Amino acid sequence: MNSMSSSAVQPAILPFGSLGWFKRELASTGLRETRTAIMVGGTVLCVIISMALQVPEVTLSAYMVFFISQKNKHLTILVGLLGLIGATIGIGETLLLYKFTYGHPELRIPGMAMALFLGMWLSRVFVLGPVGFLIGFVASYGQSVAEQAPSPELLVRGVLWVWVAIAYGVAVTVVLNSLFLPDAASAGAEPPKPKSLFVPDAFTNPAHVHFALKVTFAAMFCYIFYSAIDWTGIHTAFITCTFIALESTGATLHKGVLRIGGCVIGGALALFTIVFLMPHMVTIASLVVVVACASAIAGWVATGSEMISYAGLQIAFAFFYSIFQGYAPDTDLDNVRDRVVGILFGLIVTGVVFAYIWPEHTIDRLRDALRAALRQLAQLLEIPRPETSIETGKAEAHSLIAGTSRSFDQAKRYVELTTFEFEESPNRDRTSLGNLEETLSRAEDVFGVATSLVSDEALASWQQLPTAAQIAESNLRDVAAKRVERAADKDVVENTDTEFSRALHVWNETAQQSHSENSRKALVSQIAAEVQHLG
């Protein structure tokens, strides 16, 4: 066992690694340049349209360009459609609730809590999770600003304008991405289509209910607090509690750090603009130039990997929220101050709630993801089989390679997120984080060789083998798959050492008798060597 196996999760606030980590995350690619340019163009169009036609909520329209934009056209259109559906249902639910809650705080607060709980629960159990999230967030947030409207008529008018701002921002984003974003390189890597509207454990896993209760408690605590002290300017605390809540404590804290980091950068850009540039702006052209520059910075970060992209969205929102205070230049700095204070408060409340109330440790998520990857890898090792056709094996292998790759990517994400938790999970499993990282690394090596073993060249070599050699190799790969499955579940006591040694011996003898010396034999030998370290 190497030194990694005894390593524990170390406390960390900003565990983003070295300068090399930032260089890697901010590296230039052709797709990144294109996506950033699309975001800048979409933001500029939204600002021009809103300013020229005096459409309210220009901040929301501009932010939609960042929120809806995805890595390819298909995802952008899908997210845009889901976002519009969720916002429409949420606004309709808000207007319906106003009929019963307007002017009645004793009804409005429970209504907010129930709407938010339902939305957060749906975001976990619904396959189209973003729709459930938007329904709950829009409905609850709409109730939270109800008392700020001077009359019911103006309140309804304002809510309907919010829908307009979202709708045309989504439309601009979808059109620009459809026109200028390149097609996806490979459709084979797309996840399989779900067979149900709900995830498999939607009604049996109590973690979904716990998650919804935690988010609702944190957000409602913030709302009641800033309402009690009459400081509605920090209402971003409510938004923060809902937007950073994720499946584990580590993921939530990670997103919180990205949110505050993005807020500081976006707020600093806005502060510089308000103090030094805004007094000299006399036309919309000068505003457009400033917005384009800030959007380019935010867009470049937002088009990075999942480990940094949310900071780009936050830079954009913090900048837009602080700059767009009407249809004329404004040098009021209160918005910048209140937004930062609200985010900090929301982060603190959310961090405390997720750390001490039904905590979901990232290391447990890592175990689940690694277990899924190893089981898929075991199935891949069994291909090809003597009794099945090459065409069937190719199709099965193609699907397994895509699914296993996704599981490995998820596991690696959880490895990085574990550093955001301040203590390791309870010792109810035998495997430490170091052991999990070691197993993940070795399993990826096996996956690389297993992928080569089902390539067209390797499969052609398989077809040329005598029947006895095919059977011997298949038996060896089957035993290797059992060892991989044993690594996936340490609670299964199964001694495959003798069986593995026997199968390896038979395969070696058969290969020598058939005088088979090719790349496939080398790959099988490599798999045999690598798999022994997983057993």
Protein backbone atom coordinates (compact mmCIF):
# COMPACT_ATOMS: atom_id res chain seq x y z
CA MET A 1 0.00 0.00 0.00
CA ASN A 2 1.52 3.33 -0.99
CA SER A 3 1.46 6.56 0.97
CA MET A 4 -1.72 7.72 -0.72
CA SER A 5 -3.79 5.06 0.95
CA SER A 6 -3.55 6.65 4.34
CA SER A 7 -4.16 10.20 3.23
CA ALA A 8 -7.17 11.94 4.65
CA VAL A 9 -9.18 14.76 3.21
CA GLN A 10 -7.38 17.92 4.18
CA PRO A 11 -9.24 21.10 5.11
CA ALA A 12 -9.19 23.57 2.26
CA ILE A 13 -10.89 26.80 1.30
CA LEU A 14 -9.47 27.34 -2.18
CA PRO A 15 -8.04 23.95 -3.26
CA PHE A 16 -7.72 24.89 -6.91
CA GLY A 17 -4.14 23.71 -7.15
CA SER A 18 -1.16 25.54 -8.57
CA LEU A 19 -0.71 28.10 -11.30
CA GLY A 20 -0.61 25.17 -13.70
CA TRP A 21 -4.17 24.29 -12.67
CA PHE A 22 -5.38 27.75 -13.66
CA LYS A 23 -3.43 27.63 -16.94
CA ARG A 24 -5.04 24.32 -17.78
CA GLU A 25 -8.54 25.50 -16.87
CA LEU A 26 -8.20 28.77 -18.80
CA ALA A 27 -6.39 27.31 -21.82
CA SER A 28 -7.56 28.41 -25.24
CA THR A 29 -9.44 26.09 -27.61
CA GLY A 30 -11.28 26.74 -30.84
CA LEU A 31 -14.63 25.79 -29.33
CA ARG A 32 -14.01 28.01 -26.30
CA GLU A 33 -13.25 31.02 -28.51
CA THR A 34 -16.41 30.43 -30.54
CA ARG A 35 -18.63 30.01 -27.48
CA THR A 36 -17.19 33.12 -25.84
CA ALA A 37 -17.81 35.14 -28.99
CA ILE A 38 -21.41 33.91 -29.09
CA MET A 39 -21.93 34.92 -25.45
CA VAL A 40 -20.50 38.38 -26.09
CA GLY A 41 -22.68 38.85 -29.18
CA GLY A 42 -25.81 37.63 -27.40
CA THR A 43 -25.22 39.89 -24.40
CA VAL A 44 -24.65 42.93 -26.61
CA LEU A 45 -27.85 42.20 -28.55
CA CYS A 46 -29.88 41.89 -25.34
CA VAL A 47 -28.49 45.17 -23.98
CA ILE A 48 -29.23 47.04 -27.21
CA ILE A 49 -32.78 45.62 -27.45
CA SER A 50 -33.59 46.29 -23.80
CA MET A 51 -32.16 49.80 -23.78
CA ALA A 52 -33.71 50.80 -27.10
CA LEU A 53 -37.17 49.40 -26.31
CA GLN A 54 -36.92 50.01 -22.53
CA VAL A 55 -37.64 46.38 -21.67
CA PRO A 56 -37.34 45.90 -17.88
CA GLU A 57 -35.01 43.38 -16.26
CA VAL A 58 -32.10 43.82 -18.70
CA THR A 59 -29.93 42.00 -16.14
CA LEU A 60 -32.06 38.87 -16.51
CA SER A 61 -32.05 39.00 -20.31
CA ALA A 62 -28.27 39.40 -20.49
CA TYR A 63 -27.71 36.65 -17.93
CA MET A 64 -29.87 34.22 -19.90
CA VAL A 65 -27.20 34.23 -22.60
CA PHE A 66 -24.75 32.70 -20.11
CA PHE A 67 -27.25 30.50 -18.30
CA ILE A 68 -28.68 28.86 -21.43
CA SER A 69 -25.50 28.51 -23.55
CA GLN A 70 -24.17 24.93 -23.58
CA LYS A 71 -21.39 22.95 -25.23
CA ASN A 72 -23.38 22.05 -28.36
CA LYS A 73 -26.48 23.09 -30.27
CA HIS A 74 -28.63 20.20 -29.10
CA LEU A 75 -28.01 20.88 -25.41
CA THR A 76 -28.49 24.63 -25.86
CA ILE A 77 -31.86 24.16 -27.53
CA LEU A 78 -32.90 21.59 -24.92
CA VAL A 79 -31.86 23.76 -21.95
CA GLY A 80 -33.49 26.80 -23.54
CA LEU A 81 -36.76 24.94 -24.03
CA LEU A 82 -36.68 23.46 -20.52
CA GLY A 83 -35.80 26.83 -19.02
CA LEU A 84 -38.67 28.55 -20.80
CA ILE A 85 -41.12 25.83 -19.76
CA GLY A 86 -39.95 25.94 -16.14
CA ALA A 87 -40.05 29.74 -15.99
CA THR A 88 -43.52 29.84 -17.56
CA ILE A 89 -44.95 27.30 -15.13
CA GLY A 90 -43.19 29.00 -12.21
CA ILE A 91 -44.56 32.44 -13.11
CA GLY A 92 -48.04 31.00 -13.59
CA GLU A 93 -47.76 29.37 -10.17
CA THR A 94 -46.56 32.69 -8.72
CA LEU A 95 -49.55 34.59 -10.08
CA LEU A 96 -51.89 31.92 -8.74
CA LEU A 97 -50.32 32.10 -5.28
CA TYR A 98 -50.57 35.91 -5.27
CA LYS A 99 -54.34 35.49 -5.30
CA PHE A 100 -54.15 33.92 -1.84
CA THR A 101 -50.95 35.31 -0.32
CA TYR A 102 -50.75 38.98 -1.37
CA GLY A 103 -51.14 41.07 1.77
CA HIS A 104 -51.11 37.95 3.96
CA PRO A 105 -47.59 37.22 5.27
CA GLU A 106 -48.94 34.36 7.37
CA LEU A 107 -49.86 32.59 4.11
CA ARG A 108 -47.03 33.90 1.91
CA ILE A 109 -44.19 32.46 4.00
CA PRO A 110 -45.61 28.89 4.17
CA GLY A 111 -46.45 29.17 0.45
CA MET A 112 -42.86 30.13 -0.33
CA ALA A 113 -41.50 27.25 1.72
CA MET A 114 -43.77 24.67 0.11
CA ALA A 115 -43.06 25.89 -3.42
CA LEU A 116 -39.31 25.85 -2.78
CA PHE A 117 -39.39 22.40 -1.15
CA LEU A 118 -41.33 20.95 -4.07
CA GLY A 119 -38.96 22.51 -6.61
CA MET A 120 -35.82 21.29 -4.84
CA TRP A 121 -37.26 17.80 -4.46
CA LEU A 122 -38.19 17.68 -8.15
CA SER A 123 -34.69 18.87 -9.09
CA ARG A 124 -33.34 15.66 -7.51
CA VAL A 125 -35.96 13.08 -8.51
CA PHE A 126 -37.12 14.42 -11.90
CA VAL A 127 -35.11 13.38 -14.96
CA LEU A 128 -35.67 16.92 -16.27
CA GLY A 129 -34.35 18.32 -13.01
CA PRO A 130 -33.82 21.93 -14.21
CA VAL A 131 -37.54 22.25 -14.94
CA GLY A 132 -38.44 21.32 -11.36
CA PHE A 133 -35.78 23.64 -10.00
CA LEU A 134 -36.98 26.63 -12.03
CA ILE A 135 -40.61 26.03 -11.11
CA GLY A 136 -39.78 26.02 -7.41
CA PHE A 137 -37.29 28.88 -7.53
CA VAL A 138 -39.38 31.25 -9.64
CA ALA A 139 -42.51 30.62 -7.58
CA SER A 140 -40.77 31.05 -4.21
CA TYR A 141 -38.65 34.03 -5.25
CA GLY A 142 -41.71 35.71 -6.75
CA GLN A 143 -43.39 35.48 -3.36
CA SER A 144 -40.31 36.89 -1.61
CA VAL A 145 -40.50 40.19 -3.54
CA ALA A 146 -44.28 40.56 -3.37
CA GLU A 147 -44.31 43.01 -0.47
CA GLN A 148 -41.97 45.38 -2.33
CA ALA A 149 -44.57 46.21 -5.00
CA PRO A 150 -46.72 49.31 -4.27
CA SER A 151 -49.87 47.74 -5.75
CA PRO A 152 -51.14 44.37 -7.02
CA GLU A 153 -51.40 45.72 -10.57
CA LEU A 154 -47.75 46.78 -10.67
CA LEU A 155 -46.73 43.48 -9.10
CA VAL A 156 -48.47 41.42 -11.79
CA ARG A 157 -47.10 43.72 -14.49
CA GLY A 158 -43.57 43.32 -13.15
CA VAL A 159 -43.85 39.53 -13.00
CA LEU A 160 -45.09 39.34 -16.60
CA TRP A 161 -42.20 41.55 -17.73
CA VAL A 162 -39.87 39.06 -16.08
CA TRP A 163 -41.26 36.38 -18.39
CA VAL A 164 -40.69 38.64 -21.41
CA ALA A 165 -37.10 39.31 -20.34
CA ILE A 166 -36.42 35.58 -19.93
CA ALA A 167 -38.18 34.57 -23.15
CA TYR A 168 -36.40 36.90 -25.53
CA GLY A 169 -33.04 36.32 -23.81
CA VAL A 170 -33.52 32.58 -24.35
CA ALA A 171 -34.58 33.15 -27.96
CA VAL A 172 -31.49 35.24 -28.75
CA THR A 173 -29.22 32.63 -27.15
CA VAL A 174 -30.76 29.67 -28.97
CA VAL A 175 -30.68 31.44 -32.36
CA LEU A 176 -27.04 32.53 -32.07
CA ASN A 177 -25.87 29.11 -30.89
CA SER A 178 -27.83 27.38 -33.63
CA LEU A 179 -26.26 29.62 -36.28
CA PHE A 180 -22.64 29.75 -35.14
CA LEU A 181 -21.88 26.90 -32.74
CA PRO A 182 -20.27 23.89 -34.49
CA ASP A 183 -22.02 20.55 -34.44
CA ALA A 184 -20.94 18.03 -31.81
CA ALA A 185 -17.98 15.94 -32.92
CA SER A 186 -19.54 12.64 -31.85
CA ALA A 187 -23.12 11.79 -31.02
CA GLY A 188 -22.03 8.42 -29.60
CA ALA A 189 -20.91 10.01 -26.35
CA GLU A 190 -24.38 11.30 -25.54
CA PRO A 191 -25.98 9.65 -22.50
CA PRO A 192 -28.80 7.20 -23.17
CA LYS A 193 -32.35 8.49 -23.22
CA PRO A 194 -34.21 7.93 -19.94
CA LYS A 195 -37.10 5.49 -19.86
CA SER A 196 -38.97 7.25 -17.04
CA LEU A 197 -39.67 10.79 -15.91
CA PHE A 198 -38.21 10.00 -12.48
CA VAL A 199 -34.85 8.66 -11.36
CA PRO A 200 -34.90 5.02 -10.18
CA ASP A 201 -34.77 5.82 -6.45
CA ALA A 202 -37.08 8.85 -6.60
CA PHE A 203 -39.56 7.57 -4.03
CA THR A 204 -37.33 5.30 -1.95
CA ASN A 205 -34.20 7.37 -1.22
CA PRO A 206 -34.73 9.68 1.78
CA ALA A 207 -31.69 11.75 0.71
CA HIS A 208 -33.88 13.55 -1.86
CA VAL A 209 -36.31 14.73 0.82
CA HIS A 210 -33.44 15.65 3.13
CA PHE A 211 -31.84 17.73 0.38
CA ALA A 212 -35.07 19.64 -0.30
CA LEU A 213 -35.60 20.28 3.41
CA LYS A 214 -32.03 21.58 3.84
CA VAL A 215 -32.29 24.02 0.94
CA THR A 216 -35.71 25.20 2.07
CA PHE A 217 -34.52 25.74 5.63
CA ALA A 218 -31.41 27.69 4.57
CA ALA A 219 -33.26 29.90 2.08
CA MET A 220 -36.21 30.63 4.36
CA PHE A 221 -33.87 31.44 7.25
CA CYS A 222 -32.13 34.02 5.07
CA TYR A 223 -35.46 35.47 3.89
CA ILE A 224 -36.88 35.81 7.39
CA PHE A 225 -33.62 37.29 8.66
CA TYR A 226 -33.22 40.06 6.06
CA SER A 227 -36.95 40.81 6.20
CA ALA A 228 -36.78 41.13 10.00
CA ILE A 229 -33.91 43.63 9.87
CA ASP A 230 -35.49 45.42 6.86
CA TRP A 231 -32.49 44.96 4.56
CA THR A 232 -34.05 43.55 1.40
CA GLY A 233 -31.01 44.64 -0.59
CA ILE A 234 -29.25 41.43 0.51
CA HIS A 235 -31.96 39.25 -1.03
CA THR A 236 -29.15 37.57 -3.00
CA ALA A 237 -28.74 35.43 0.13
CA PHE A 238 -31.99 33.68 -0.81
CA ILE A 239 -30.77 33.16 -4.38
CA THR A 240 -27.40 31.88 -3.16
CA CYS A 241 -28.95 29.20 -0.95
CA THR A 242 -30.94 27.77 -3.86
CA PHE A 243 -28.39 28.06 -6.65
CA ILE A 244 -25.33 26.56 -4.93
CA ALA A 245 -27.10 23.58 -3.36
CA LEU A 246 -25.83 20.37 -4.97
CA GLU A 247 -25.78 16.64 -4.32
CA SER A 248 -23.05 16.64 -1.65
CA THR A 249 -21.46 18.90 0.93
CA GLY A 250 -18.21 19.07 -1.04
CA ALA A 251 -19.97 19.98 -4.29
CA THR A 252 -22.05 22.64 -2.52
CA LEU A 253 -19.00 24.20 -0.88
CA HIS A 254 -17.14 24.10 -4.18
CA LYS A 255 -19.92 25.93 -5.95
CA GLY A 256 -20.10 28.39 -3.07
CA VAL A 257 -16.40 29.18 -3.42
CA LEU A 258 -16.83 29.70 -7.17
CA ARG A 259 -19.82 31.93 -6.49
CA ILE A 260 -18.00 34.22 -4.08
CA GLY A 261 -14.91 34.26 -6.30
CA GLY A 262 -16.98 35.21 -9.32
CA CYS A 263 -18.89 37.75 -7.27
CA VAL A 264 -15.66 39.45 -6.16
CA ILE A 265 -14.34 39.64 -9.73
CA GLY A 266 -17.66 40.75 -11.22
CA GLY A 267 -18.21 43.24 -8.41
CA ALA A 268 -14.71 44.67 -8.86
CA LEU A 269 -15.31 45.12 -12.59
CA ALA A 270 -18.63 46.81 -11.85
CA LEU A 271 -17.08 49.03 -9.20
CA PHE A 272 -14.36 50.15 -11.60
CA THR A 273 -16.96 50.83 -14.29
CA ILE A 274 -19.28 52.81 -12.01
CA VAL A 275 -16.52 54.93 -10.47
CA PHE A 276 -14.24 55.58 -13.42
CA LEU A 277 -16.19 54.93 -16.64
CA MET A 278 -19.88 55.52 -16.00
CA PRO A 279 -19.56 59.32 -15.44
CA HIS A 280 -18.15 59.65 -18.96
CA MET A 281 -20.74 57.47 -20.75
CA VAL A 282 -23.19 59.47 -22.83
CA THR A 283 -24.34 56.96 -25.48
CA ILE A 284 -25.38 53.33 -25.63
CA ALA A 285 -22.29 52.61 -27.75
CA SER A 286 -19.94 53.25 -24.83
CA LEU A 287 -22.05 51.01 -22.58
CA VAL A 288 -22.00 48.25 -25.19
CA VAL A 289 -18.19 48.34 -25.38
CA VAL A 290 -17.85 48.01 -21.60
CA VAL A 291 -20.43 45.20 -21.46
CA ALA A 292 -18.70 43.36 -24.31
CA CYS A 293 -15.33 43.47 -22.51
CA ALA A 294 -16.78 42.23 -19.22
CA SER A 295 -18.81 39.55 -21.03
CA ALA A 296 -15.66 38.31 -22.78
CA ILE A 297 -13.94 37.78 -19.42
CA ALA A 298 -16.98 36.09 -17.91
CA GLY A 299 -17.61 34.02 -21.04
CA TRP A 300 -14.05 32.73 -21.17
CA VAL A 301 -14.32 31.41 -17.62
CA ALA A 302 -17.88 30.12 -18.14
CA THR A 303 -16.81 27.98 -21.11
CA GLY A 304 -14.22 26.11 -19.04
CA SER A 305 -14.64 22.79 -17.28
CA GLU A 306 -17.17 22.10 -14.56
CA MET A 307 -14.53 22.84 -11.94
CA ILE A 308 -14.46 26.55 -12.88
CA SER A 309 -17.34 27.38 -15.24
CA TYR A 310 -19.81 28.48 -12.56
CA ALA A 311 -17.45 31.31 -11.58
CA GLY A 312 -17.91 32.73 -15.08
CA LEU A 313 -21.68 32.77 -14.71
CA GLN A 314 -21.29 34.54 -11.39
CA ILE A 315 -18.90 37.16 -12.84
CA ALA A 316 -21.52 37.93 -15.48
CA PHE A 317 -24.42 38.14 -13.06
CA ALA A 318 -22.56 40.24 -10.48
CA PHE A 319 -21.45 42.69 -13.17
CA PHE A 320 -24.84 42.94 -14.87
CA TYR A 321 -26.72 43.24 -11.60
CA SER A 322 -24.50 46.12 -10.45
CA ILE A 323 -24.29 48.00 -13.76
CA PHE A 324 -27.87 47.83 -15.04
CA GLN A 325 -29.75 50.01 -12.55
CA GLY A 326 -32.07 51.64 -15.10
CA TYR A 327 -31.91 53.06 -18.59
CA ALA A 328 -29.43 55.82 -17.75
CA PRO A 329 -25.95 55.88 -16.17
CA ASP A 330 -26.04 55.52 -12.39
CA THR A 331 -23.17 55.81 -9.91
CA ASP A 332 -24.98 54.24 -6.92
CA LEU A 333 -22.69 51.70 -5.22
CA ASP A 334 -25.29 50.28 -2.84
CA ASN A 335 -26.16 47.44 -5.20
CA VAL A 336 -22.56 46.24 -5.32
CA ARG A 337 -22.25 46.28 -1.51
CA ASP A 338 -25.61 44.63 -0.84
CA ARG A 339 -25.06 41.88 -3.39
CA VAL A 340 -21.69 40.88 -1.93
CA VAL A 341 -23.05 40.91 1.63
CA GLY A 342 -26.05 38.82 0.58
CA ILE A 343 -23.90 36.22 -1.14
CA LEU A 344 -21.55 35.94 1.82
CA PHE A 345 -24.48 35.52 4.20
CA GLY A 346 -26.10 32.89 1.98
CA LEU A 347 -22.82 30.98 1.69
CA ILE A 348 -22.36 30.89 5.45
CA VAL A 349 -25.91 29.70 6.12
CA THR A 350 -25.81 27.07 3.36
CA GLY A 351 -22.39 25.81 4.44
CA VAL A 352 -23.49 25.37 8.05
CA VAL A 353 -26.77 23.65 7.10
CA PHE A 354 -25.17 21.22 4.63
CA ALA A 355 -22.27 20.43 6.96
CA TYR A 356 -24.34 19.59 10.06
CA ILE A 357 -27.82 18.56 8.90
CA TRP A 358 -27.98 15.20 7.06
CA PRO A 359 -24.54 15.72 5.48
CA GLU A 360 -23.94 13.92 2.20
CA HIS A 361 -20.21 13.32 2.00
CA THR A 362 -18.54 13.54 -1.39
CA ILE A 363 -16.40 10.50 -0.61
CA ASP A 364 -19.57 8.39 -0.52
CA ARG A 365 -20.51 9.72 -3.96
CA LEU A 366 -16.99 8.83 -5.12
CA ARG A 367 -17.46 5.25 -3.96
CA ASP A 368 -20.75 4.97 -5.84
CA ALA A 369 -19.31 6.41 -9.06
CA LEU A 370 -16.22 4.19 -8.89
CA ARG A 371 -18.36 1.13 -8.19
CA ALA A 372 -20.49 1.88 -11.27
CA ALA A 373 -17.37 2.39 -13.43
CA LEU A 374 -15.81 -0.90 -12.30
CA ARG A 375 -18.95 -2.87 -12.97
CA GLN A 376 -19.20 -1.42 -16.47
CA LEU A 377 -15.50 -2.16 -16.98
CA ALA A 378 -16.07 -5.78 -15.94
CA GLN A 379 -18.75 -6.13 -18.62
CA LEU A 380 -16.41 -4.60 -21.21
CA LEU A 381 -13.68 -7.12 -20.36
CA GLU A 382 -16.00 -10.00 -21.28
CA ILE A 383 -16.24 -8.81 -24.92
CA PRO A 384 -15.85 -10.52 -27.39
CA ARG A 385 -17.32 -13.93 -26.60
CA PRO A 386 -16.95 -17.08 -28.73
CA GLU A 387 -20.72 -17.59 -28.85
CA THR A 388 -21.65 -14.07 -30.05
CA SER A 389 -21.03 -12.34 -33.35
CA ILE A 390 -18.44 -9.62 -33.82
CA GLU A 391 -21.15 -7.12 -34.82
CA THR A 392 -23.04 -7.70 -31.59
CA GLY A 393 -19.85 -7.36 -29.58
CA LYS A 394 -18.91 -4.11 -31.32
CA ALA A 395 -22.28 -2.50 -30.56
CA GLU A 396 -22.19 -3.63 -26.92
CA ALA A 397 -18.60 -2.46 -26.49
CA HIS A 398 -19.34 0.95 -28.01
CA SER A 399 -22.14 1.55 -25.51
CA LEU A 400 -20.08 0.29 -22.56
CA ILE A 401 -17.05 2.43 -23.46
CA ALA A 402 -19.18 5.60 -23.52
CA GLY A 403 -20.91 4.75 -20.23
CA THR A 404 -17.71 3.70 -18.47
CA SER A 405 -15.94 6.85 -19.60
CA ARG A 406 -18.73 8.99 -18.13
CA SER A 407 -18.53 7.09 -14.83
CA PHE A 408 -14.76 7.59 -14.63
CA ASP A 409 -15.16 11.31 -15.35
CA GLN A 410 -17.74 11.59 -12.57
CA ALA A 411 -15.46 9.73 -10.15
CA LYS A 412 -12.55 12.05 -10.96
CA ARG A 413 -14.80 15.03 -10.35
CA TYR A 414 -15.67 13.69 -6.92
CA VAL A 415 -11.97 13.17 -6.14
CA GLU A 416 -11.38 16.89 -6.67
CA LEU A 417 -14.49 17.86 -4.71
CA THR A 418 -13.49 15.85 -1.63
CA THR A 419 -10.92 18.53 -0.81
CA PHE A 420 -13.75 20.97 -0.12
CA GLU A 421 -14.99 18.93 2.84
CA PHE A 422 -13.42 19.69 6.18
CA GLU A 423 -13.35 16.13 7.50
CA GLU A 424 -13.51 12.65 6.09
CA SER A 425 -16.71 10.66 6.03
CA PRO A 426 -17.52 8.31 8.93
CA ASN A 427 -15.42 5.10 8.89
CA ARG A 428 -18.23 2.79 7.88
CA ASP A 429 -16.30 1.56 4.85
CA ARG A 430 -12.88 -0.05 4.73
CA THR A 431 -11.54 2.06 1.89
CA SER A 432 -9.90 5.42 2.51
CA LEU A 433 -9.74 8.21 -0.01
CA GLY A 434 -6.18 7.23 -0.87
CA ASN A 435 -7.22 3.66 -1.65
CA LEU A 436 -10.08 4.93 -3.80
CA GLU A 437 -7.75 7.18 -5.78
CA GLU A 438 -5.32 4.29 -6.29
CA THR A 439 -8.10 1.97 -7.42
CA LEU A 440 -9.42 4.65 -9.79
CA SER A 441 -5.99 5.14 -11.34
CA ARG A 442 -5.41 1.41 -11.87
CA ALA A 443 -8.94 0.91 -13.21
CA GLU A 444 -8.38 3.66 -15.79
CA ASP A 445 -5.24 1.83 -16.96
CA VAL A 446 -7.26 -1.38 -17.37
CA PHE A 447 -9.98 0.59 -19.19
CA GLY A 448 -7.47 1.94 -21.69
CA VAL A 449 -6.23 -1.55 -22.54
CA ALA A 450 -9.76 -3.01 -22.59
CA THR A 451 -10.79 -0.32 -25.07
CA SER A 452 -7.90 -1.26 -27.37
CA LEU A 453 -8.89 -4.92 -27.08
CA VAL A 454 -12.24 -4.22 -28.82
CA SER A 455 -10.78 -2.09 -31.61
CA ASP A 456 -11.32 -3.19 -35.21
CA GLU A 457 -7.73 -4.45 -35.52
CA ALA A 458 -7.88 -6.40 -32.26
CA LEU A 459 -11.24 -7.93 -33.15
CA ALA A 460 -9.88 -8.99 -36.52
CA SER A 461 -7.06 -10.80 -34.68
CA TRP A 462 -9.67 -12.44 -32.43
CA GLN A 463 -11.49 -13.88 -35.45
CA GLN A 464 -8.27 -15.48 -36.69
CA LEU A 465 -7.66 -17.36 -33.43
CA PRO A 466 -8.44 -21.10 -33.23
CA THR A 467 -11.54 -22.04 -31.26
CA ALA A 468 -9.49 -23.37 -28.34
CA ALA A 469 -7.51 -20.12 -28.13
CA GLN A 470 -10.71 -18.05 -28.19
CA ILE A 471 -12.20 -20.12 -25.36
CA ALA A 472 -9.03 -19.86 -23.27
CA GLU A 473 -8.80 -16.10 -23.73
CA SER A 474 -12.52 -15.63 -23.02
CA ASN A 475 -12.21 -17.65 -19.79
CA LEU A 476 -9.24 -15.53 -18.72
CA ARG A 477 -11.11 -12.30 -19.40
CA ASP A 478 -14.16 -13.61 -17.53
CA VAL A 479 -12.04 -14.32 -14.44
CA ALA A 480 -10.42 -10.91 -14.81
CA ALA A 481 -13.90 -9.37 -14.89
CA LYS A 482 -14.72 -11.14 -11.61
CA ARG A 483 -11.65 -9.59 -10.00
CA VAL A 484 -12.74 -6.15 -11.20
CA GLU A 485 -16.22 -6.73 -9.75
CA ARG A 486 -14.61 -7.75 -6.45
CA ALA A 487 -12.77 -4.41 -6.44
CA ALA A 488 -16.11 -2.67 -7.02
CA ASP A 489 -17.61 -4.15 -3.87
CA LYS A 490 -15.14 -4.83 -1.05
CA ASP A 491 -17.89 -6.53 0.99
CA VAL A 492 -17.96 -9.49 -1.42
CA VAL A 493 -15.58 -12.15 -0.11
CA GLU A 494 -14.45 -14.10 -3.13
CA ASN A 495 -11.03 -15.64 -3.60
CA THR A 496 -10.35 -15.71 -7.32
CA ASP A 497 -6.54 -16.04 -7.08
CA THR A 498 -6.47 -19.77 -7.80
CA GLU A 499 -9.06 -19.50 -10.54
CA PHE A 500 -7.21 -16.57 -12.12
CA SER A 501 -3.83 -18.38 -12.03
CA ARG A 502 -5.36 -21.48 -13.62
CA ALA A 503 -7.04 -19.47 -16.40
CA LEU A 504 -3.83 -17.51 -17.07
CA HIS A 505 -1.82 -20.73 -17.26
CA VAL A 506 -4.26 -22.34 -19.71
CA TRP A 507 -4.30 -19.22 -21.88
CA ASN A 508 -0.48 -19.06 -21.99
CA GLU A 509 -0.22 -22.71 -23.00
CA THR A 510 -2.91 -22.33 -25.67
CA ALA A 511 -1.25 -19.20 -27.09
CA GLN A 512 2.10 -21.01 -27.32
CA GLN A 513 0.59 -24.02 -29.03
CA SER A 514 -1.16 -21.81 -31.60
CA HIS A 515 2.05 -19.78 -32.10
CA SER A 516 -0.02 -16.63 -31.73
CA GLU A 517 2.30 -13.61 -31.55
CA ASN A 518 0.41 -10.40 -32.23
CA SER A 519 -0.70 -7.15 -30.62
CA ARG A 520 -3.81 -8.82 -29.18
CA LYS A 521 -1.72 -11.27 -27.15
CA ALA A 522 0.27 -8.35 -25.75
CA LEU A 523 -2.95 -6.54 -24.79
CA VAL A 524 -4.37 -9.61 -23.05
CA SER A 525 -1.10 -10.05 -21.14
CA GLN A 526 -1.22 -6.40 -20.09
CA ILE A 527 -4.80 -6.74 -18.85
CA ALA A 528 -3.84 -9.84 -16.85
CA ALA A 529 -1.01 -7.91 -15.21
CA GLU A 530 -3.09 -4.79 -14.48
CA VAL A 531 -6.13 -6.65 -13.15
CA GLN A 532 -4.08 -8.52 -10.56
CA HIS A 533 -3.46 -5.20 -8.78
CA LEU A 534 -7.22 -4.64 -8.49
CA GLY A 535 -8.01 -7.97 -6.91
